[in-house]
N, C-alpha and C. Protein backbone atom coordinates (compact mmCIF):
# COMPACT_ATOMS: atom_id res chain seq x y z
N UNK A 1 16.38 30.13 -21.11
CA UNK A 1 16.22 29.19 -20.03
C UNK A 1 14.77 28.69 -20.00
N UNK A 2 14.62 27.37 -19.88
CA UNK A 2 13.28 26.80 -19.81
C UNK A 2 12.62 27.16 -18.49
N UNK A 3 11.32 27.36 -18.57
CA UNK A 3 10.56 27.68 -17.36
C UNK A 3 10.41 26.41 -16.52
N UNK A 4 10.79 26.47 -15.25
CA UNK A 4 10.69 25.31 -14.37
C UNK A 4 9.48 25.44 -13.46
N UNK A 5 8.82 24.32 -13.23
CA UNK A 5 7.64 24.31 -12.36
C UNK A 5 8.08 24.40 -10.90
N UNK A 6 7.43 25.24 -10.15
CA UNK A 6 7.72 25.39 -8.73
C UNK A 6 6.91 24.34 -7.96
N UNK A 7 7.57 23.26 -7.54
CA UNK A 7 6.88 22.15 -6.88
C UNK A 7 6.37 22.51 -5.49
N UNK A 8 6.93 23.54 -4.88
CA UNK A 8 6.48 23.92 -3.55
C UNK A 8 5.18 24.70 -3.56
N UNK A 9 4.86 25.34 -4.68
CA UNK A 9 3.66 26.17 -4.72
C UNK A 9 2.40 25.39 -5.07
N UNK A 10 2.53 24.25 -5.74
CA UNK A 10 1.37 23.46 -6.15
C UNK A 10 1.51 22.01 -5.70
N UNK A 11 1.02 21.66 -4.52
CA UNK A 11 1.14 20.27 -4.07
C UNK A 11 0.29 19.35 -4.94
N UNK A 12 0.81 18.15 -5.21
CA UNK A 12 0.06 17.18 -6.01
C UNK A 12 -1.11 16.60 -5.22
N UNK A 13 -0.93 16.43 -3.92
CA UNK A 13 -1.97 15.84 -3.07
C UNK A 13 -2.28 16.75 -1.90
N UNK A 14 -3.53 16.74 -1.48
CA UNK A 14 -3.89 17.46 -0.26
C UNK A 14 -3.43 16.62 0.93
N UNK A 15 -3.44 17.19 2.11
CA UNK A 15 -3.03 16.45 3.31
C UNK A 15 -3.93 15.25 3.54
N UNK A 16 -5.24 15.38 3.30
CA UNK A 16 -6.16 14.25 3.47
C UNK A 16 -5.85 13.13 2.49
N UNK A 17 -5.57 13.48 1.22
CA UNK A 17 -5.24 12.48 0.21
C UNK A 17 -3.93 11.77 0.56
N UNK A 18 -2.97 12.54 1.02
CA UNK A 18 -1.67 11.98 1.39
C UNK A 18 -1.81 11.02 2.56
N UNK A 19 -2.55 11.43 3.59
CA UNK A 19 -2.74 10.58 4.77
C UNK A 19 -3.49 9.30 4.40
N UNK A 20 -4.54 9.43 3.59
CA UNK A 20 -5.31 8.25 3.17
C UNK A 20 -4.43 7.29 2.37
N UNK A 21 -3.61 7.82 1.49
CA UNK A 21 -2.74 6.99 0.66
C UNK A 21 -1.64 6.29 1.43
N UNK A 22 -1.23 6.86 2.55
CA UNK A 22 -0.13 6.31 3.33
C UNK A 22 -0.59 5.61 4.60
N UNK A 23 -1.89 5.40 4.76
CA UNK A 23 -2.40 4.76 5.96
C UNK A 23 -2.43 3.25 5.76
N UNK A 24 -1.88 2.53 6.73
CA UNK A 24 -1.91 1.07 6.70
C UNK A 24 -3.18 0.64 7.43
N UNK A 25 -4.08 -0.02 6.73
CA UNK A 25 -5.41 -0.34 7.26
C UNK A 25 -5.45 -1.71 7.94
N UNK A 26 -6.00 -1.73 9.15
CA UNK A 26 -6.21 -2.98 9.88
C UNK A 26 -7.22 -3.83 9.12
N UNK A 27 -6.95 -5.13 9.05
CA UNK A 27 -7.87 -6.05 8.40
C UNK A 27 -7.50 -6.40 6.97
N UNK A 28 -6.61 -5.64 6.36
CA UNK A 28 -6.19 -5.99 5.00
C UNK A 28 -5.36 -7.26 5.04
N UNK A 29 -5.56 -8.10 4.04
CA UNK A 29 -4.83 -9.36 3.97
C UNK A 29 -4.05 -9.42 2.66
N UNK A 30 -2.90 -10.06 2.73
CA UNK A 30 -2.04 -10.22 1.57
C UNK A 30 -1.68 -11.69 1.45
N UNK A 31 -1.53 -12.18 0.22
CA UNK A 31 -1.21 -13.58 -0.02
C UNK A 31 -0.03 -13.70 -0.97
N UNK A 32 0.77 -14.73 -0.75
CA UNK A 32 1.88 -15.04 -1.66
C UNK A 32 1.31 -15.89 -2.79
N UNK A 33 1.53 -15.46 -4.02
CA UNK A 33 0.99 -16.21 -5.16
C UNK A 33 1.79 -17.48 -5.44
N UNK A 34 2.97 -17.64 -4.82
CA UNK A 34 3.79 -18.84 -5.05
C UNK A 34 3.53 -19.93 -4.01
N UNK A 35 3.56 -19.56 -2.71
CA UNK A 35 3.44 -20.59 -1.67
C UNK A 35 2.13 -20.53 -0.89
N UNK A 36 1.35 -19.45 -1.05
CA UNK A 36 0.06 -19.34 -0.38
C UNK A 36 0.09 -18.76 1.02
N UNK A 37 1.27 -18.33 1.49
CA UNK A 37 1.36 -17.72 2.82
C UNK A 37 0.48 -16.48 2.88
N UNK A 38 -0.21 -16.31 4.01
CA UNK A 38 -1.10 -15.16 4.20
C UNK A 38 -0.56 -14.25 5.30
N UNK A 39 -0.76 -12.95 5.13
CA UNK A 39 -0.39 -11.95 6.13
C UNK A 39 -1.60 -11.04 6.30
N UNK A 40 -1.96 -10.72 7.56
CA UNK A 40 -3.05 -9.79 7.81
C UNK A 40 -2.55 -8.67 8.70
N UNK A 41 -2.96 -7.44 8.38
CA UNK A 41 -2.59 -6.27 9.18
C UNK A 41 -3.41 -6.28 10.45
N UNK A 42 -2.74 -6.28 11.60
CA UNK A 42 -3.43 -6.29 12.89
C UNK A 42 -3.24 -5.00 13.67
N UNK A 43 -2.34 -4.14 13.20
CA UNK A 43 -2.13 -2.85 13.85
C UNK A 43 -1.90 -1.81 12.77
N UNK A 44 -2.73 -0.78 12.75
CA UNK A 44 -2.64 0.24 11.72
C UNK A 44 -1.51 1.21 11.98
N UNK A 45 -1.31 2.09 11.02
CA UNK A 45 -0.27 3.09 11.15
C UNK A 45 -0.17 3.93 9.90
N UNK A 46 0.84 4.77 9.88
CA UNK A 46 1.10 5.61 8.71
C UNK A 46 2.42 5.14 8.12
N UNK A 47 2.46 4.96 6.83
CA UNK A 47 3.66 4.51 6.14
C UNK A 47 3.28 3.68 4.94
N UNK A 48 4.23 2.94 4.43
CA UNK A 48 3.95 2.07 3.30
C UNK A 48 4.13 0.62 3.73
N UNK A 49 3.35 -0.24 3.16
CA UNK A 49 3.44 -1.67 3.44
C UNK A 49 3.60 -2.38 2.11
N UNK A 50 4.73 -3.02 1.93
CA UNK A 50 5.00 -3.76 0.70
C UNK A 50 5.47 -5.16 1.09
N UNK A 51 4.54 -6.01 1.55
CA UNK A 51 4.95 -7.34 2.00
C UNK A 51 5.49 -8.18 0.85
N UNK A 52 6.55 -8.93 1.15
CA UNK A 52 7.18 -9.79 0.15
C UNK A 52 7.31 -11.20 0.70
N UNK A 53 7.24 -12.18 -0.19
CA UNK A 53 7.42 -13.58 0.17
C UNK A 53 7.94 -14.30 -1.07
N UNK A 54 8.78 -15.27 -0.89
CA UNK A 54 9.34 -16.05 -2.01
C UNK A 54 9.99 -15.14 -3.06
N UNK A 55 10.53 -14.01 -2.62
CA UNK A 55 11.22 -13.10 -3.53
C UNK A 55 10.33 -12.20 -4.36
N UNK A 56 9.02 -12.21 -4.13
CA UNK A 56 8.10 -11.35 -4.89
C UNK A 56 7.13 -10.63 -3.97
N UNK A 57 6.48 -9.61 -4.54
CA UNK A 57 5.47 -8.86 -3.79
C UNK A 57 4.27 -9.76 -3.51
N UNK A 58 3.71 -9.62 -2.31
CA UNK A 58 2.48 -10.34 -1.98
C UNK A 58 1.30 -9.56 -2.57
N UNK A 59 0.21 -10.26 -2.85
CA UNK A 59 -0.96 -9.68 -3.51
C UNK A 59 -2.03 -9.36 -2.47
N UNK A 60 -2.64 -8.16 -2.59
CA UNK A 60 -3.73 -7.77 -1.70
C UNK A 60 -4.94 -8.67 -1.97
N UNK A 61 -5.48 -9.28 -0.91
CA UNK A 61 -6.67 -10.13 -1.02
C UNK A 61 -7.88 -9.22 -0.81
N UNK A 62 -8.71 -9.11 -1.85
CA UNK A 62 -9.86 -8.21 -1.78
C UNK A 62 -11.11 -8.91 -1.28
N UNK A 63 -11.27 -10.17 -1.60
CA UNK A 63 -12.46 -10.93 -1.20
C UNK A 63 -12.00 -12.23 -0.54
N UNK A 64 -12.70 -12.72 0.48
CA UNK A 64 -12.30 -13.96 1.14
C UNK A 64 -12.20 -15.15 0.18
N UNK A 65 -13.00 -15.17 -0.88
CA UNK A 65 -12.96 -16.28 -1.84
C UNK A 65 -11.65 -16.33 -2.61
N UNK A 66 -10.88 -15.24 -2.63
CA UNK A 66 -9.62 -15.21 -3.36
C UNK A 66 -8.50 -15.92 -2.60
N UNK A 67 -8.74 -16.30 -1.34
CA UNK A 67 -7.69 -16.88 -0.51
C UNK A 67 -7.22 -18.22 -1.05
N UNK A 68 -8.08 -18.97 -1.65
CA UNK A 68 -7.72 -20.31 -2.14
C UNK A 68 -6.73 -20.22 -3.19
């Protein structure tokens, strides 16, 4: 029998890493690369945010100059 890894004994992420990775940050902006629609996060939370527009994922806007 092959040795199986015990996933409960060795977590991949610490609680801080998990919380940071799943935190929705206020002020982040996303843009649709097809039509130019913009979305900005105005209320934070815990979870995942995968905004979609025109049938595709919206792109995270890192710098204000990227909005155009």
